[in-house]
Every structure is written in C-alpha cells, then in structure tokens.
Amino acid sequence: MKKTRTILASSSPRRLELLKLINIDPVVLEPDIDENIMNTESVHEFVKRVSIEKGNNIFNSSLNNDLIISADTVVVTDNKIIGKPEDRKDAENILEDLSGIEHTVITGIALKYDNKVLYDHSSTRVIFKQLTKNEIEAYLNTEDYMDKAGGYAIQGRASIFIQEIHGCFFNVMGFPLNLFYEMLKKIGVSLKELEMIEEVNSR
C-alpha cells in the first residue's frame, strides 16, 4: 500500500486533533492570508475563497505529490459572519447576540492533490439557550475564547449552553470528518493511504 503524505494548512489545534482521531498525523504548515470578507462576497463565497487560499498559500513544488488539506469555519446569524472575538468585551457581546437564538456554523474544506482542487462545505444549525449575564461571565472566566469563531467551542464548557444541534457535530468543532472522508474518495485518495503506519513489535 502506497502512503501519501498529508499536509494540514491550518493553525487550528482542533483540526489537527480531529485528523489524529482518524489516525492521520499531518505535517502542519500555517498559512498567512487576508481573512477579511470582501464587500461583494456572500458568506459561502468567502468561506470557499479562504479555504482554497489557505492551501494555495503554503503550496510549493516540493508538495506536488502530497495531499494538502485546508479549511475555514465561520459562525453566521442573519447572513452575517460572526468572527473570532477581538477581546473579552467583544466575546461577551458575541455570546449575548447568540443567546436564545439559532445560528449556523459553516466549514469549508479544500483538498489539493495531483494537480486537482476539490472544495465542499458543511452547515450545522446550533441553538443556544437563553444565557444570563452571570453564565456568560462564568464562561469567560474559565474558557479560552479568543481563537474561536463565535467565541465558543462546542467540546468545551459552552456545551451546556446548547439546546439543539442539527447537522454534523464535528463541523462545529471545525472539521466535518464525514465530508472529508467523502471528498477523499472523490479526489482519488483512500483513507488507508493517509493513516499513520502502525509500529508492530515482531519479537
């Protein structure tokens, strides 16, 4: 069985964690791109552009035979992107806005392999309970919220705020594994090619 080297174009520890969950341990290269939305872009156009640009940003000729994975996750309410908080006050305002309403988490994935680029996305609807000021303050006192879209991580303390979720849980974490698996098949890479080689003690 041939092995294909996997490159993750992302600074997200959660994407790395999820790939390791399915026995993939990629080389991590952090992209450096402008992630500001353009005036003419829709939410989906923005997510697609940023997802693909992250992979293109780290690409060079030495990676020609590798699978490059890049992704972007956004939180959306009323067709407006809620980004990562700039500071504690911004995080507090974001959580107040999400309190008691439904929002959508969209993750785009781009795969670059064998001179081909494949893109797709996953959407998950999340409904928060009505949050009190004390609950928001307690959350901000105990959680690292700064690097997270929407100011929360579903796998952390914010899980107690979620009344309903419709769609892929891992998408809300930042990397929908089922979508990734289906995209691998479309681009012509088997999961077995990417898995870490198990060390066997033959003694």
N, C-alpha and C. Protein backbone atom coordinates (compact mmCIF):
# COMPACT_ATOMS: atom_id res chain seq x y z
N MET A 1 0.85 -1.19 0.00
CA MET A 1 0.00 0.00 0.00
C MET A 1 0.88 1.25 0.00
N LYS A 2 0.69 2.11 -1.00
CA LYS A 2 1.47 3.35 -1.03
C LYS A 2 0.98 4.29 0.06
N LYS A 3 1.85 5.16 0.53
CA LYS A 3 1.49 6.13 1.54
C LYS A 3 1.57 7.53 0.94
N THR A 4 0.58 8.33 1.22
CA THR A 4 0.53 9.71 0.76
C THR A 4 0.76 10.63 1.95
N ARG A 5 1.72 11.52 1.84
CA ARG A 5 1.97 12.46 2.93
C ARG A 5 0.84 13.48 2.99
N THR A 6 0.40 13.79 4.21
CA THR A 6 -0.69 14.73 4.42
C THR A 6 -0.17 16.04 4.98
N ILE A 7 -0.58 17.15 4.37
CA ILE A 7 -0.20 18.48 4.83
C ILE A 7 -1.47 19.20 5.29
N LEU A 8 -1.47 19.69 6.50
CA LEU A 8 -2.60 20.47 7.01
C LEU A 8 -2.23 21.95 7.01
N ALA A 9 -2.90 22.71 6.15
CA ALA A 9 -2.66 24.16 6.07
C ALA A 9 -3.60 24.85 7.06
N SER A 10 -3.22 24.84 8.31
CA SER A 10 -4.11 25.38 9.35
C SER A 10 -3.34 25.60 10.63
N SER A 11 -3.75 26.61 11.39
CA SER A 11 -3.19 26.84 12.72
C SER A 11 -4.13 26.31 13.81
N SER A 12 -5.20 25.64 13.40
CA SER A 12 -6.23 25.19 14.35
C SER A 12 -5.82 23.89 15.04
N PRO A 13 -5.65 23.90 16.36
CA PRO A 13 -5.35 22.65 17.07
C PRO A 13 -6.50 21.66 17.01
N ARG A 14 -7.73 22.15 16.82
CA ARG A 14 -8.88 21.26 16.77
C ARG A 14 -8.90 20.44 15.49
N ARG A 15 -8.50 21.05 14.36
CA ARG A 15 -8.45 20.27 13.11
C ARG A 15 -7.38 19.18 13.20
N LEU A 16 -6.25 19.52 13.79
CA LEU A 16 -5.21 18.52 13.97
C LEU A 16 -5.71 17.40 14.88
N GLU A 17 -6.39 17.76 15.95
CA GLU A 17 -6.93 16.78 16.90
C GLU A 17 -7.91 15.83 16.20
N LEU A 18 -8.77 16.38 15.34
CA LEU A 18 -9.77 15.56 14.67
C LEU A 18 -9.15 14.65 13.63
N LEU A 19 -8.13 15.11 12.92
CA LEU A 19 -7.45 14.24 11.96
C LEU A 19 -6.73 13.10 12.70
N LYS A 20 -6.14 13.40 13.84
CA LYS A 20 -5.50 12.35 14.62
C LYS A 20 -6.52 11.34 15.15
N LEU A 21 -7.74 11.79 15.35
CA LEU A 21 -8.82 10.90 15.80
C LEU A 21 -9.05 9.78 14.79
N ILE A 22 -8.82 10.05 13.49
CA ILE A 22 -8.99 9.01 12.47
C ILE A 22 -7.63 8.51 11.98
N ASN A 23 -6.63 8.62 12.86
CA ASN A 23 -5.30 8.05 12.65
C ASN A 23 -4.51 8.71 11.52
N ILE A 24 -4.73 10.02 11.33
CA ILE A 24 -3.93 10.80 10.38
C ILE A 24 -3.14 11.82 11.18
N ASP A 25 -1.83 11.84 10.99
CA ASP A 25 -0.96 12.77 11.71
C ASP A 25 -0.24 13.65 10.68
N PRO A 26 -0.85 14.75 10.26
CA PRO A 26 -0.30 15.53 9.16
C PRO A 26 0.87 16.42 9.56
N VAL A 27 1.63 16.82 8.54
CA VAL A 27 2.58 17.90 8.71
C VAL A 27 1.76 19.20 8.74
N VAL A 28 1.99 20.05 9.72
CA VAL A 28 1.22 21.29 9.86
C VAL A 28 2.03 22.47 9.33
N LEU A 29 1.46 23.18 8.36
CA LEU A 29 2.05 24.41 7.84
C LEU A 29 1.01 25.51 7.98
N GLU A 30 1.34 26.56 8.69
CA GLU A 30 0.36 27.61 8.96
C GLU A 30 0.33 28.63 7.82
N PRO A 31 -0.83 28.83 7.20
CA PRO A 31 -0.93 29.81 6.11
C PRO A 31 -0.98 31.23 6.64
N ASP A 32 -0.67 32.17 5.78
CA ASP A 32 -0.72 33.60 6.13
C ASP A 32 -1.47 34.32 5.03
N ILE A 33 -2.78 34.50 5.24
CA ILE A 33 -3.63 35.13 4.22
C ILE A 33 -4.52 36.18 4.87
N ASP A 34 -5.11 37.03 4.03
CA ASP A 34 -6.07 38.04 4.48
C ASP A 34 -7.43 37.37 4.63
N GLU A 35 -7.96 37.32 5.85
CA GLU A 35 -9.24 36.66 6.09
C GLU A 35 -10.38 37.66 6.28
N ASN A 36 -10.22 38.86 5.74
CA ASN A 36 -11.31 39.84 5.78
C ASN A 36 -12.26 39.59 4.61
N ILE A 37 -13.55 39.67 4.88
CA ILE A 37 -14.53 39.46 3.84
C ILE A 37 -14.59 40.66 2.90
N MET A 38 -14.70 40.39 1.60
CA MET A 38 -14.81 41.46 0.62
C MET A 38 -16.25 41.95 0.55
N ASN A 39 -16.41 43.21 0.16
CA ASN A 39 -17.74 43.82 0.14
C ASN A 39 -18.73 43.08 -0.75
N THR A 40 -18.22 42.49 -1.83
CA THR A 40 -19.11 41.86 -2.81
C THR A 40 -19.35 40.38 -2.53
N GLU A 41 -18.68 39.83 -1.52
CA GLU A 41 -18.76 38.39 -1.27
C GLU A 41 -19.98 38.00 -0.43
N SER A 42 -20.59 36.87 -0.79
CA SER A 42 -21.57 36.23 0.09
C SER A 42 -20.80 35.41 1.12
N VAL A 43 -21.50 34.93 2.13
CA VAL A 43 -20.86 34.11 3.15
C VAL A 43 -20.21 32.88 2.52
N HIS A 44 -20.93 32.19 1.65
CA HIS A 44 -20.41 30.97 1.04
C HIS A 44 -19.24 31.26 0.11
N GLU A 45 -19.28 32.37 -0.60
CA GLU A 45 -18.15 32.75 -1.45
C GLU A 45 -16.91 33.03 -0.61
N PHE A 46 -17.11 33.67 0.53
CA PHE A 46 -15.99 33.97 1.43
C PHE A 46 -15.36 32.70 1.97
N VAL A 47 -16.19 31.78 2.47
CA VAL A 47 -15.66 30.54 3.04
C VAL A 47 -14.91 29.74 1.98
N LYS A 48 -15.45 29.68 0.77
CA LYS A 48 -14.77 28.94 -0.31
C LYS A 48 -13.44 29.58 -0.65
N ARG A 49 -13.41 30.89 -0.80
CA ARG A 49 -12.18 31.59 -1.18
C ARG A 49 -11.09 31.38 -0.11
N VAL A 50 -11.45 31.59 1.14
CA VAL A 50 -10.46 31.49 2.21
C VAL A 50 -9.97 30.05 2.36
N SER A 51 -10.87 29.08 2.27
CA SER A 51 -10.47 27.68 2.39
C SER A 51 -9.45 27.31 1.32
N ILE A 52 -9.71 27.71 0.08
CA ILE A 52 -8.80 27.38 -1.02
C ILE A 52 -7.50 28.17 -0.92
N GLU A 53 -7.60 29.44 -0.56
CA GLU A 53 -6.40 30.29 -0.47
C GLU A 53 -5.42 29.79 0.59
N LYS A 54 -5.92 29.23 1.67
CA LYS A 54 -5.04 28.71 2.71
C LYS A 54 -4.14 27.61 2.15
N GLY A 55 -4.73 26.71 1.35
CA GLY A 55 -3.93 25.66 0.75
C GLY A 55 -2.95 26.19 -0.28
N ASN A 56 -3.42 27.14 -1.09
CA ASN A 56 -2.54 27.73 -2.11
C ASN A 56 -1.38 28.48 -1.48
N ASN A 57 -1.63 29.09 -0.32
CA ASN A 57 -0.62 29.91 0.33
C ASN A 57 0.61 29.12 0.76
N ILE A 58 0.41 27.89 1.20
CA ILE A 58 1.54 27.10 1.69
C ILE A 58 2.13 26.19 0.61
N PHE A 59 1.51 26.18 -0.57
CA PHE A 59 1.94 25.25 -1.62
C PHE A 59 3.26 25.67 -2.25
N ASN A 60 4.10 24.66 -2.51
CA ASN A 60 5.28 24.85 -3.35
C ASN A 60 5.55 23.54 -4.09
N SER A 61 6.47 23.56 -5.01
CA SER A 61 6.67 22.41 -5.90
C SER A 61 7.08 21.14 -5.15
N SER A 62 7.67 21.29 -3.96
CA SER A 62 8.08 20.11 -3.20
C SER A 62 6.88 19.34 -2.63
N LEU A 63 5.70 19.96 -2.68
CA LEU A 63 4.48 19.32 -2.14
C LEU A 63 3.61 18.72 -3.24
N ASN A 64 4.13 18.63 -4.46
CA ASN A 64 3.35 18.18 -5.61
C ASN A 64 2.66 16.84 -5.40
N ASN A 65 3.30 15.93 -4.70
CA ASN A 65 2.75 14.58 -4.54
C ASN A 65 2.02 14.37 -3.21
N ASP A 66 1.82 15.46 -2.48
CA ASP A 66 1.17 15.38 -1.18
C ASP A 66 -0.30 15.79 -1.26
N LEU A 67 -1.05 15.36 -0.27
CA LEU A 67 -2.43 15.84 -0.12
C LEU A 67 -2.41 17.04 0.81
N ILE A 68 -2.89 18.19 0.31
CA ILE A 68 -2.95 19.40 1.13
C ILE A 68 -4.40 19.64 1.55
N ILE A 69 -4.60 19.73 2.85
CA ILE A 69 -5.93 19.96 3.43
C ILE A 69 -5.98 21.37 3.99
N SER A 70 -7.00 22.13 3.59
CA SER A 70 -7.20 23.45 4.19
C SER A 70 -8.69 23.65 4.45
N ALA A 71 -9.00 24.49 5.41
CA ALA A 71 -10.40 24.64 5.82
C ALA A 71 -10.62 26.01 6.46
N ASP A 72 -11.87 26.39 6.52
CA ASP A 72 -12.24 27.62 7.23
C ASP A 72 -13.62 27.43 7.84
N THR A 73 -13.79 27.91 9.06
CA THR A 73 -15.06 27.79 9.78
C THR A 73 -15.57 29.17 10.17
N VAL A 74 -16.86 29.40 9.92
CA VAL A 74 -17.49 30.66 10.33
C VAL A 74 -18.79 30.39 11.06
N VAL A 75 -19.16 31.31 11.93
CA VAL A 75 -20.45 31.31 12.60
C VAL A 75 -21.29 32.41 11.96
N VAL A 76 -22.54 32.09 11.63
CA VAL A 76 -23.37 33.01 10.86
C VAL A 76 -24.73 33.20 11.54
N THR A 77 -25.14 34.45 11.69
CA THR A 77 -26.51 34.78 12.08
C THR A 77 -27.03 35.85 11.12
N ASP A 78 -28.25 35.69 10.65
CA ASP A 78 -28.87 36.66 9.74
C ASP A 78 -27.95 36.97 8.56
N ASN A 79 -27.33 35.91 8.03
CA ASN A 79 -26.44 36.02 6.87
C ASN A 79 -25.22 36.93 7.13
N LYS A 80 -24.88 37.08 8.39
CA LYS A 80 -23.73 37.91 8.77
C LYS A 80 -22.74 37.04 9.53
N ILE A 81 -21.46 37.15 9.14
CA ILE A 81 -20.42 36.36 9.79
C ILE A 81 -20.05 36.96 11.15
N ILE A 82 -20.05 36.09 12.15
CA ILE A 82 -19.54 36.47 13.47
C ILE A 82 -18.14 35.89 13.59
N GLY A 83 -17.15 36.73 13.69
CA GLY A 83 -15.77 36.27 13.68
C GLY A 83 -15.28 35.86 15.05
N LYS A 84 -13.96 35.76 15.17
CA LYS A 84 -13.34 35.48 16.45
C LYS A 84 -13.29 36.77 17.27
N PRO A 85 -13.51 36.68 18.57
CA PRO A 85 -13.53 37.90 19.39
C PRO A 85 -12.18 38.61 19.41
N GLU A 86 -12.25 39.93 19.43
CA GLU A 86 -11.03 40.74 19.49
C GLU A 86 -10.52 40.87 20.93
N ASP A 87 -11.44 40.81 21.88
CA ASP A 87 -11.07 40.91 23.30
C ASP A 87 -12.24 40.36 24.13
N ARG A 88 -12.11 40.45 25.44
CA ARG A 88 -13.14 39.89 26.32
C ARG A 88 -14.49 40.57 26.12
N LYS A 89 -14.51 41.89 25.99
CA LYS A 89 -15.77 42.60 25.80
C LYS A 89 -16.45 42.18 24.51
N ASP A 90 -15.66 42.01 23.46
CA ASP A 90 -16.21 41.56 22.19
C ASP A 90 -16.80 40.15 22.33
N ALA A 91 -16.10 39.27 23.05
CA ALA A 91 -16.60 37.91 23.28
C ALA A 91 -17.92 37.95 24.05
N GLU A 92 -18.00 38.84 25.03
CA GLU A 92 -19.24 38.99 25.80
C GLU A 92 -20.39 39.43 24.90
N ASN A 93 -20.12 40.40 24.02
CA ASN A 93 -21.15 40.89 23.09
C ASN A 93 -21.61 39.78 22.13
N ILE A 94 -20.65 38.99 21.66
CA ILE A 94 -20.98 37.90 20.73
C ILE A 94 -21.88 36.88 21.41
N LEU A 95 -21.55 36.48 22.63
CA LEU A 95 -22.37 35.49 23.34
C LEU A 95 -23.75 36.04 23.67
N GLU A 96 -23.83 37.32 23.96
CA GLU A 96 -25.14 37.93 24.18
C GLU A 96 -25.98 37.89 22.90
N ASP A 97 -25.32 38.09 21.75
CA ASP A 97 -26.03 38.03 20.47
C ASP A 97 -26.50 36.61 20.14
N LEU A 98 -25.72 35.60 20.54
CA LEU A 98 -26.08 34.21 20.24
C LEU A 98 -27.10 33.66 21.24
N SER A 99 -27.25 34.32 22.37
CA SER A 99 -28.13 33.84 23.43
C SER A 99 -29.57 33.68 22.96
N GLY A 100 -30.11 32.48 23.14
CA GLY A 100 -31.51 32.22 22.87
C GLY A 100 -31.90 32.12 21.41
N ILE A 101 -30.94 32.11 20.50
CA ILE A 101 -31.29 32.07 19.07
C ILE A 101 -30.54 30.93 18.37
N GLU A 102 -30.95 30.72 17.13
CA GLU A 102 -30.27 29.73 16.28
C GLU A 102 -29.20 30.42 15.44
N HIS A 103 -28.04 29.78 15.34
CA HIS A 103 -27.02 30.26 14.41
C HIS A 103 -26.52 29.08 13.58
N THR A 104 -25.81 29.38 12.53
CA THR A 104 -25.31 28.34 11.62
C THR A 104 -23.79 28.35 11.63
N VAL A 105 -23.22 27.17 11.71
CA VAL A 105 -21.77 27.02 11.60
C VAL A 105 -21.46 26.40 10.24
N ILE A 106 -20.63 27.07 9.47
CA ILE A 106 -20.27 26.59 8.14
C ILE A 106 -18.77 26.35 8.10
N THR A 107 -18.38 25.16 7.68
CA THR A 107 -16.97 24.84 7.47
C THR A 107 -16.76 24.45 6.02
N GLY A 108 -15.82 25.13 5.37
CA GLY A 108 -15.41 24.76 4.03
C GLY A 108 -14.14 23.94 4.10
N ILE A 109 -14.04 22.93 3.25
CA ILE A 109 -12.82 22.12 3.15
C ILE A 109 -12.33 22.15 1.71
N ALA A 110 -11.04 22.38 1.53
CA ALA A 110 -10.42 22.30 0.21
C ALA A 110 -9.32 21.24 0.25
N LEU A 111 -9.32 20.36 -0.74
CA LEU A 111 -8.28 19.35 -0.89
C LEU A 111 -7.52 19.63 -2.18
N LYS A 112 -6.21 19.65 -2.08
CA LYS A 112 -5.34 19.88 -3.25
C LYS A 112 -4.47 18.63 -3.42
N TYR A 113 -4.62 17.96 -4.57
CA TYR A 113 -3.89 16.70 -4.79
C TYR A 113 -3.81 16.40 -6.28
N ASP A 114 -2.62 16.01 -6.73
CA ASP A 114 -2.43 15.56 -8.11
C ASP A 114 -2.95 16.60 -9.12
N ASN A 115 -2.59 17.87 -8.89
CA ASN A 115 -2.99 18.98 -9.76
C ASN A 115 -4.50 19.22 -9.80
N LYS A 116 -5.20 18.72 -8.79
CA LYS A 116 -6.64 18.94 -8.70
C LYS A 116 -6.96 19.65 -7.38
N VAL A 117 -8.01 20.47 -7.41
CA VAL A 117 -8.52 21.10 -6.19
C VAL A 117 -10.00 20.77 -6.06
N LEU A 118 -10.38 20.22 -4.92
CA LEU A 118 -11.77 19.88 -4.66
C LEU A 118 -12.24 20.67 -3.45
N TYR A 119 -13.41 21.28 -3.57
CA TYR A 119 -13.96 22.08 -2.45
C TYR A 119 -15.39 21.62 -2.15
N ASP A 120 -15.73 21.63 -0.87
CA ASP A 120 -17.11 21.40 -0.43
C ASP A 120 -17.27 22.01 0.96
N HIS A 121 -18.50 22.06 1.44
CA HIS A 121 -18.72 22.65 2.76
C HIS A 121 -19.81 21.89 3.51
N SER A 122 -19.84 22.10 4.81
CA SER A 122 -20.85 21.52 5.68
C SER A 122 -21.48 22.62 6.51
N SER A 123 -22.80 22.52 6.74
CA SER A 123 -23.52 23.51 7.55
C SER A 123 -24.24 22.79 8.70
N THR A 124 -24.14 23.38 9.88
CA THR A 124 -24.80 22.83 11.07
C THR A 124 -25.55 23.95 11.78
N ARG A 125 -26.80 23.68 12.14
CA ARG A 125 -27.59 24.66 12.88
C ARG A 125 -27.47 24.37 14.38
N VAL A 126 -27.19 25.43 15.14
CA VAL A 126 -27.00 25.31 16.58
C VAL A 126 -27.93 26.30 17.29
N ILE A 127 -28.61 25.82 18.33
CA ILE A 127 -29.50 26.70 19.10
C ILE A 127 -28.99 26.80 20.53
N PHE A 128 -28.69 28.02 20.95
CA PHE A 128 -28.25 28.29 22.32
C PHE A 128 -29.46 28.53 23.22
N LYS A 129 -29.33 28.13 24.49
CA LYS A 129 -30.30 28.53 25.49
C LYS A 129 -30.18 30.02 25.74
N GLN A 130 -31.16 30.58 26.43
CA GLN A 130 -31.07 31.98 26.85
C GLN A 130 -30.02 32.08 27.95
N LEU A 131 -28.99 32.89 27.70
CA LEU A 131 -27.89 32.98 28.65
C LEU A 131 -28.07 34.17 29.58
N THR A 132 -27.77 33.96 30.84
CA THR A 132 -27.78 35.07 31.79
C THR A 132 -26.41 35.75 31.76
N LYS A 133 -26.35 36.94 32.27
CA LYS A 133 -25.08 37.66 32.35
C LYS A 133 -24.07 36.90 33.20
N ASN A 134 -24.56 36.30 34.30
CA ASN A 134 -23.67 35.53 35.17
C ASN A 134 -23.10 34.31 34.46
N GLU A 135 -23.92 33.66 33.64
CA GLU A 135 -23.44 32.49 32.89
C GLU A 135 -22.36 32.88 31.88
N ILE A 136 -22.58 34.01 31.22
CA ILE A 136 -21.57 34.48 30.25
C ILE A 136 -20.28 34.84 30.97
N GLU A 137 -20.40 35.53 32.11
CA GLU A 137 -19.20 35.92 32.87
C GLU A 137 -18.44 34.69 33.37
N ALA A 138 -19.18 33.70 33.85
CA ALA A 138 -18.53 32.47 34.33
C ALA A 138 -17.81 31.76 33.20
N TYR A 139 -18.44 31.75 32.04
CA TYR A 139 -17.81 31.12 30.88
C TYR A 139 -16.53 31.84 30.49
N LEU A 140 -16.59 33.16 30.42
CA LEU A 140 -15.42 33.94 30.02
C LEU A 140 -14.28 33.83 31.04
N ASN A 141 -14.64 33.57 32.30
CA ASN A 141 -13.62 33.42 33.34
C ASN A 141 -12.89 32.08 33.27
N THR A 142 -13.52 31.09 32.62
CA THR A 142 -12.95 29.74 32.68
C THR A 142 -12.52 29.20 31.32
N GLU A 143 -12.94 29.80 30.22
CA GLU A 143 -12.65 29.25 28.90
C GLU A 143 -11.73 30.15 28.09
N ASP A 144 -10.95 29.52 27.19
CA ASP A 144 -10.15 30.25 26.21
C ASP A 144 -11.06 30.47 25.00
N TYR A 145 -11.50 31.68 24.81
CA TYR A 145 -12.49 32.00 23.77
C TYR A 145 -11.90 32.80 22.61
N MET A 146 -10.65 33.25 22.73
CA MET A 146 -10.12 34.24 21.79
C MET A 146 -9.93 33.70 20.37
N ASP A 147 -9.56 32.44 20.21
CA ASP A 147 -9.24 31.93 18.88
C ASP A 147 -10.38 31.14 18.27
N LYS A 148 -11.60 31.35 18.77
CA LYS A 148 -12.72 30.52 18.34
C LYS A 148 -13.81 31.36 17.66
N ALA A 149 -14.22 30.92 16.48
CA ALA A 149 -15.32 31.58 15.78
C ALA A 149 -16.57 31.55 16.66
N GLY A 150 -17.19 32.71 16.84
CA GLY A 150 -18.36 32.79 17.71
C GLY A 150 -18.02 32.84 19.18
N GLY A 151 -16.72 32.78 19.52
CA GLY A 151 -16.31 32.89 20.91
C GLY A 151 -16.55 31.66 21.76
N TYR A 152 -16.81 30.50 21.12
CA TYR A 152 -17.06 29.30 21.93
C TYR A 152 -16.56 28.05 21.22
N ALA A 153 -16.34 27.01 22.01
CA ALA A 153 -16.00 25.68 21.49
C ALA A 153 -17.07 24.71 21.96
N ILE A 154 -17.66 23.99 21.03
CA ILE A 154 -18.76 23.08 21.37
C ILE A 154 -18.30 21.96 22.29
N GLN A 155 -17.00 21.60 22.20
CA GLN A 155 -16.48 20.50 23.01
C GLN A 155 -16.02 20.96 24.39
N GLY A 156 -16.22 22.23 24.70
CA GLY A 156 -15.82 22.76 26.00
C GLY A 156 -17.02 23.10 26.87
N ARG A 157 -16.82 24.06 27.76
CA ARG A 157 -17.88 24.44 28.71
C ARG A 157 -19.14 24.97 28.01
N ALA A 158 -18.98 25.51 26.79
CA ALA A 158 -20.14 26.03 26.06
C ALA A 158 -21.14 24.94 25.70
N SER A 159 -20.74 23.68 25.83
CA SER A 159 -21.67 22.57 25.54
C SER A 159 -22.93 22.65 26.40
N ILE A 160 -22.82 23.23 27.58
CA ILE A 160 -24.00 23.32 28.45
C ILE A 160 -24.98 24.39 27.98
N PHE A 161 -24.56 25.22 27.04
CA PHE A 161 -25.44 26.26 26.50
C PHE A 161 -26.28 25.76 25.32
N ILE A 162 -25.92 24.61 24.77
CA ILE A 162 -26.53 24.19 23.51
C ILE A 162 -27.76 23.34 23.74
N GLN A 163 -28.91 23.87 23.31
CA GLN A 163 -30.18 23.15 23.45
C GLN A 163 -30.39 22.15 22.32
N GLU A 164 -30.03 22.55 21.10
CA GLU A 164 -30.24 21.69 19.94
C GLU A 164 -29.09 21.85 18.96
N ILE A 165 -28.81 20.76 18.24
CA ILE A 165 -27.85 20.82 17.14
C ILE A 165 -28.40 20.00 15.99
N HIS A 166 -28.39 20.57 14.81
CA HIS A 166 -28.91 19.90 13.62
C HIS A 166 -27.82 19.85 12.57
N GLY A 167 -27.20 18.68 12.43
CA GLY A 167 -26.11 18.54 11.48
C GLY A 167 -24.90 17.92 12.15
N CYS A 168 -23.75 18.06 11.53
CA CYS A 168 -22.52 17.40 11.97
C CYS A 168 -21.90 18.10 13.19
N PHE A 169 -21.73 17.34 14.26
CA PHE A 169 -21.09 17.87 15.48
C PHE A 169 -19.65 18.30 15.19
N PHE A 170 -18.92 17.47 14.43
CA PHE A 170 -17.51 17.77 14.17
C PHE A 170 -17.34 19.00 13.30
N ASN A 171 -18.37 19.32 12.52
CA ASN A 171 -18.35 20.57 11.74
C ASN A 171 -18.26 21.77 12.68
N VAL A 172 -18.98 21.73 13.78
CA VAL A 172 -18.96 22.84 14.74
C VAL A 172 -17.60 22.91 15.43
N MET A 173 -16.93 21.78 15.57
CA MET A 173 -15.56 21.78 16.11
C MET A 173 -14.57 22.37 15.11
N GLY A 174 -14.95 22.36 13.82
CA GLY A 174 -14.08 22.98 12.82
C GLY A 174 -13.62 22.09 11.69
N PHE A 175 -14.07 20.79 11.69
CA PHE A 175 -13.64 19.91 10.62
C PHE A 175 -14.61 18.73 10.51
N PRO A 176 -15.57 18.80 9.57
CA PRO A 176 -16.55 17.72 9.41
C PRO A 176 -15.90 16.47 8.82
N LEU A 177 -15.74 15.45 9.64
CA LEU A 177 -14.98 14.26 9.25
C LEU A 177 -15.67 13.46 8.15
N ASN A 178 -16.99 13.35 8.22
CA ASN A 178 -17.68 12.59 7.17
C ASN A 178 -17.53 13.25 5.81
N LEU A 179 -17.66 14.58 5.75
CA LEU A 179 -17.48 15.30 4.50
C LEU A 179 -16.05 15.10 3.99
N PHE A 180 -15.06 15.18 4.87
CA PHE A 180 -13.67 14.97 4.49
C PHE A 180 -13.48 13.59 3.87
N TYR A 181 -14.05 12.57 4.49
CA TYR A 181 -13.94 11.20 4.00
C TYR A 181 -14.55 11.05 2.60
N GLU A 182 -15.72 11.64 2.40
CA GLU A 182 -16.37 11.56 1.09
C GLU A 182 -15.57 12.31 0.03
N MET A 183 -14.96 13.44 0.42
CA MET A 183 -14.13 14.21 -0.52
C MET A 183 -12.87 13.45 -0.91
N LEU A 184 -12.29 12.72 0.05
CA LEU A 184 -11.11 11.90 -0.25
C LEU A 184 -11.41 10.93 -1.39
N LYS A 185 -12.56 10.27 -1.30
CA LYS A 185 -12.93 9.29 -2.32
C LYS A 185 -13.08 9.96 -3.68
N LYS A 186 -13.65 11.16 -3.69
CA LYS A 186 -13.86 11.87 -4.95
C LYS A 186 -12.54 12.30 -5.60
N ILE A 187 -11.56 12.65 -4.77
CA ILE A 187 -10.30 13.15 -5.33
C ILE A 187 -9.31 12.01 -5.61
N GLY A 188 -9.69 10.81 -5.20
CA GLY A 188 -8.88 9.65 -5.56
C GLY A 188 -7.84 9.23 -4.54
N VAL A 189 -8.10 9.49 -3.25
CA VAL A 189 -7.18 9.09 -2.19
C VAL A 189 -7.95 8.22 -1.20
N SER A 190 -7.37 7.08 -0.84
CA SER A 190 -8.03 6.23 0.16
C SER A 190 -7.57 6.64 1.55
N LEU A 191 -8.43 6.45 2.52
CA LEU A 191 -8.09 6.79 3.90
C LEU A 191 -6.86 5.99 4.36
N LYS A 192 -6.74 4.76 3.86
CA LYS A 192 -5.62 3.90 4.25
C LYS A 192 -4.28 4.50 3.83
N GLU A 193 -4.26 5.21 2.71
CA GLU A 193 -3.02 5.83 2.24
C GLU A 193 -2.51 6.90 3.19
N LEU A 194 -3.41 7.49 3.97
CA LEU A 194 -3.05 8.62 4.83
C LEU A 194 -2.79 8.21 6.27
N GLU A 195 -3.21 7.03 6.65
CA GLU A 195 -3.12 6.63 8.04
C GLU A 195 -1.67 6.45 8.49
N MET A 196 -1.43 6.73 9.75
CA MET A 196 -0.12 6.50 10.33
C MET A 196 0.22 5.02 10.26
N ILE A 197 1.46 4.73 9.98
CA ILE A 197 1.89 3.33 9.93
C ILE A 197 2.03 2.82 11.35
N GLU A 198 1.28 1.77 11.65
CA GLU A 198 1.34 1.20 13.00
C GLU A 198 2.66 0.46 13.19
N GLU A 199 3.30 0.71 14.33
CA GLU A 199 4.55 0.01 14.61
C GLU A 199 4.21 -1.34 15.24
N VAL A 200 4.71 -2.40 14.61
CA VAL A 200 4.41 -3.74 15.09
C VAL A 200 5.65 -4.33 15.75
N ASN A 201 5.49 -4.78 16.95
CA ASN A 201 6.59 -5.44 17.66
C ASN A 201 6.61 -6.90 17.25
N SER A 202 7.62 -7.26 16.47
CA SER A 202 7.68 -8.61 15.92
C SER A 202 8.38 -9.60 16.84
N ARG A 203 8.83 -9.14 17.99
CA ARG A 203 9.54 -10.04 18.89
C ARG A 203 8.57 -11.01 19.57
